[in-house]
């Protein structure tokens, strides 16, 4: 109850935006590779294996995160994990938007 009114409403708002963005970003990640794969492979001279690996990275990441996600949720809580995942997604998309090579 000692929190100022601005911070009392800011944290739930950030957490709500993080929760909403998770589904959107994950869906965008899954659909991102389909239309972009052929031009990307041609532009970067990717082999079939490299292009397939690029397309599978989001699924591989989801499998790895699933193994460790339960422990993180138990120790850190859902809200903190959602905010952390949103930051990771944003940084990842920042790297992808700036990439010029594999």
C-alpha atoms as a PDB file:
ATOM      1  CA  UNK A   1       0.000   0.000   0.000  1.00  0.00           C
ATOM      2  CA  UNK A   2       3.008   2.286   0.196  1.00  0.00           C
ATOM      3  CA  UNK A   3       3.475   2.313  -3.583  1.00  0.00           C
ATOM      4  CA  UNK A   4       2.668   5.594  -5.328  1.00  0.00           C
ATOM      5  CA  UNK A   5      -0.448   5.366  -7.510  1.00  0.00           C
ATOM      6  CA  UNK A   6       1.546   5.602 -10.762  1.00  0.00           C
ATOM      7  CA  UNK A   7       3.708   2.552 -10.015  1.00  0.00           C
ATOM      8  CA  UNK A   8       0.773   0.630  -8.600  1.00  0.00           C
ATOM      9  CA  UNK A   9      -0.917   0.695 -12.018  1.00  0.00           C
ATOM     10  CA  UNK A  10       2.201   0.641 -14.211  1.00  0.00           C
ATOM     11  CA  UNK A  11       3.436  -2.852 -13.293  1.00  0.00           C
ATOM     12  CA  UNK A  12       0.110  -4.621 -13.986  1.00  0.00           C
ATOM     13  CA  UNK A  13      -0.129  -2.753 -17.281  1.00  0.00           C
ATOM     14  CA  UNK A  14       3.368  -3.877 -18.321  1.00  0.00           C
ATOM     15  CA  UNK A  15       2.586  -7.465 -17.322  1.00  0.00           C
ATOM     16  CA  UNK A  16      -0.712  -7.409 -19.227  1.00  0.00           C
ATOM     17  CA  UNK A  17       0.996  -6.077 -22.354  1.00  0.00           C
ATOM     18  CA  UNK A  18       3.691  -8.737 -22.003  1.00  0.00           C
ATOM     19  CA  UNK A  19       1.070 -11.474 -21.706  1.00  0.00           C
ATOM     20  CA  UNK A  20      -0.840 -10.229 -24.731  1.00  0.00           C
ATOM     21  CA  UNK A  21       2.296  -9.888 -26.825  1.00  0.00           C
ATOM     22  CA  UNK A  22       3.456 -13.472 -26.173  1.00  0.00           C
ATOM     23  CA  UNK A  23       0.853 -15.141 -28.360  1.00  0.00           C
ATOM     24  CA  UNK A  24       1.181 -12.511 -31.055  1.00  0.00           C
ATOM     25  CA  UNK A  25       4.967 -12.755 -31.202  1.00  0.00           C
ATOM     26  CA  UNK A  26       5.007 -16.551 -31.106  1.00  0.00           C
ATOM     27  CA  UNK A  27       2.448 -16.769 -33.898  1.00  0.00           C
ATOM     28  CA  UNK A  28       4.370 -14.219 -35.932  1.00  0.00           C
ATOM     29  CA  UNK A  29       7.570 -16.213 -35.367  1.00  0.00           C
ATOM     30  CA  UNK A  30       5.960 -19.398 -36.638  1.00  0.00           C
ATOM     31  CA  UNK A  31       4.531 -17.693 -39.711  1.00  0.00           C
ATOM     32  CA  UNK A  32       7.554 -15.491 -40.382  1.00  0.00           C
ATOM     33  CA  UNK A  33       9.721 -18.127 -42.017  1.00  0.00           C
ATOM     34  CA  UNK A  34       7.246 -19.433 -44.575  1.00  0.00           C
ATOM     35  CA  UNK A  35       7.044 -16.465 -46.973  1.00  0.00           C
ATOM     36  CA  UNK A  36      10.553 -15.237 -46.177  1.00  0.00           C
ATOM     37  CA  UNK A  37      12.455 -18.509 -46.501  1.00  0.00           C
ATOM     38  CA  UNK A  38      12.861 -18.706 -50.297  1.00  0.00           C
ATOM     39  CA  UNK A  39      14.057 -15.091 -50.826  1.00  0.00           C
ATOM     40  CA  UNK A  40      16.211 -15.264 -47.699  1.00  0.00           C
ATOM     41  CA  UNK A  41      17.845 -18.521 -48.807  1.00  0.00           C
ATOM     42  CA  UNK A  42      18.536 -17.072 -52.256  1.00  0.00           C
ATOM     43  CA  UNK A  43      19.903 -13.772 -50.946  1.00  0.00           C
ATOM     44  CA  UNK A  44      22.154 -15.329 -48.311  1.00  0.00           C
ATOM     45  CA  UNK A  45      23.069 -18.396 -50.399  1.00  0.00           C
ATOM     46  CA  UNK A  46      21.796 -20.778 -47.744  1.00  0.00           C
ATOM     47  CA  UNK A  47      21.976 -24.501 -48.274  1.00  0.00           C
ATOM     48  CA  UNK A  48      18.858 -26.605 -47.815  1.00  0.00           C
ATOM     49  CA  UNK A  49      20.109 -27.692 -44.383  1.00  0.00           C
ATOM     50  CA  UNK A  50      20.758 -24.100 -43.279  1.00  0.00           C
ATOM     51  CA  UNK A  51      17.354 -22.920 -44.524  1.00  0.00           C
ATOM     52  CA  UNK A  52      15.605 -25.826 -42.799  1.00  0.00           C
ATOM     53  CA  UNK A  53      17.485 -25.147 -39.572  1.00  0.00           C
ATOM     54  CA  UNK A  54      16.445 -21.492 -39.721  1.00  0.00           C
ATOM     55  CA  UNK A  55      12.814 -22.512 -40.157  1.00  0.00           C
ATOM     56  CA  UNK A  56      13.024 -24.977 -37.247  1.00  0.00           C
ATOM     57  CA  UNK A  57      14.753 -22.683 -34.748  1.00  0.00           C
ATOM     58  CA  UNK A  58      11.525 -21.372 -33.181  1.00  0.00           C
ATOM     59  CA  UNK A  59      10.292 -24.914 -32.580  1.00  0.00           C
ATOM     60  CA  UNK A  60      13.641 -26.017 -31.173  1.00  0.00           C
ATOM     61  CA  UNK A  61      13.615 -22.975 -28.892  1.00  0.00           C
ATOM     62  CA  UNK A  62      10.115 -23.815 -27.699  1.00  0.00           C
ATOM     63  CA  UNK A  63      11.187 -27.370 -26.818  1.00  0.00           C
ATOM     64  CA  UNK A  64      14.246 -26.194 -24.892  1.00  0.00           C
ATOM     65  CA  UNK A  65      12.296 -23.466 -23.101  1.00  0.00           C
ATOM     66  CA  UNK A  66       9.613 -25.974 -22.126  1.00  0.00           C
ATOM     67  CA  UNK A  67      12.155 -28.041 -20.239  1.00  0.00           C
ATOM     68  CA  UNK A  68      13.336 -25.101 -18.137  1.00  0.00           C
ATOM     69  CA  UNK A  69      10.121 -23.083 -18.075  1.00  0.00           C
ATOM     70  CA  UNK A  70       8.464 -24.990 -15.239  1.00  0.00           C
ATOM     71  CA  UNK A  71      11.336 -24.375 -12.858  1.00  0.00           C
ATOM     72  CA  UNK A  72      11.503 -20.700 -13.759  1.00  0.00           C
ATOM     73  CA  UNK A  73       7.749 -20.319 -13.217  1.00  0.00           C
ATOM     74  CA  UNK A  74       7.956 -21.947  -9.802  1.00  0.00           C
ATOM     75  CA  UNK A  75      10.914 -19.893  -8.625  1.00  0.00           C
ATOM     76  CA  UNK A  76      10.231 -16.516 -10.279  1.00  0.00           C
ATOM     77  CA  UNK A  77       6.473 -16.466 -10.815  1.00  0.00           C
ATOM     78  CA  UNK A  78       4.341 -16.109 -13.932  1.00  0.00           C
ATOM     79  CA  UNK A  79       4.438 -12.333 -14.187  1.00  0.00           C
ATOM     80  CA  UNK A  80       8.215 -12.061 -14.042  1.00  0.00           C
ATOM     81  CA  UNK A  81       8.615 -14.875 -16.559  1.00  0.00           C
ATOM     82  CA  UNK A  82       6.168 -13.229 -18.978  1.00  0.00           C
ATOM     83  CA  UNK A  83       8.033  -9.939 -18.818  1.00  0.00           C
ATOM     84  CA  UNK A  84      11.386 -11.694 -19.287  1.00  0.00           C
ATOM     85  CA  UNK A  85      10.073 -13.628 -22.306  1.00  0.00           C
ATOM     86  CA  UNK A  86       8.752 -10.428 -23.867  1.00  0.00           C
ATOM     87  CA  UNK A  87      12.154  -8.795 -23.525  1.00  0.00           C
ATOM     88  CA  UNK A  88      13.834 -11.857 -25.076  1.00  0.00           C
ATOM     89  CA  UNK A  89      11.349 -11.834 -27.988  1.00  0.00           C
ATOM     90  CA  UNK A  90      11.878  -8.115 -28.576  1.00  0.00           C
ATOM     91  CA  UNK A  91      15.657  -8.444 -28.553  1.00  0.00           C
ATOM     92  CA  UNK A  92      15.457 -11.445 -30.895  1.00  0.00           C
ATOM     93  CA  UNK A  93      13.270  -9.587 -33.371  1.00  0.00           C
ATOM     94  CA  UNK A  94      15.653  -6.639 -33.156  1.00  0.00           C
ATOM     95  CA  UNK A  95      18.526  -8.930 -34.150  1.00  0.00           C
ATOM     96  CA  UNK A  96      16.494 -10.479 -36.961  1.00  0.00           C
ATOM     97  CA  UNK A  97      15.533  -7.090 -38.361  1.00  0.00           C
ATOM     98  CA  UNK A  98      19.197  -6.014 -38.455  1.00  0.00           C
ATOM     99  CA  UNK A  99      20.655  -9.275 -39.815  1.00  0.00           C
ATOM    100  CA  UNK A 100      22.516  -9.085 -43.094  1.00  0.00           C
ATOM    101  CA  UNK A 101      24.155 -12.522 -42.938  1.00  0.00           C
ATOM    102  CA  UNK A 102      23.293 -15.910 -41.520  1.00  0.00           C
END
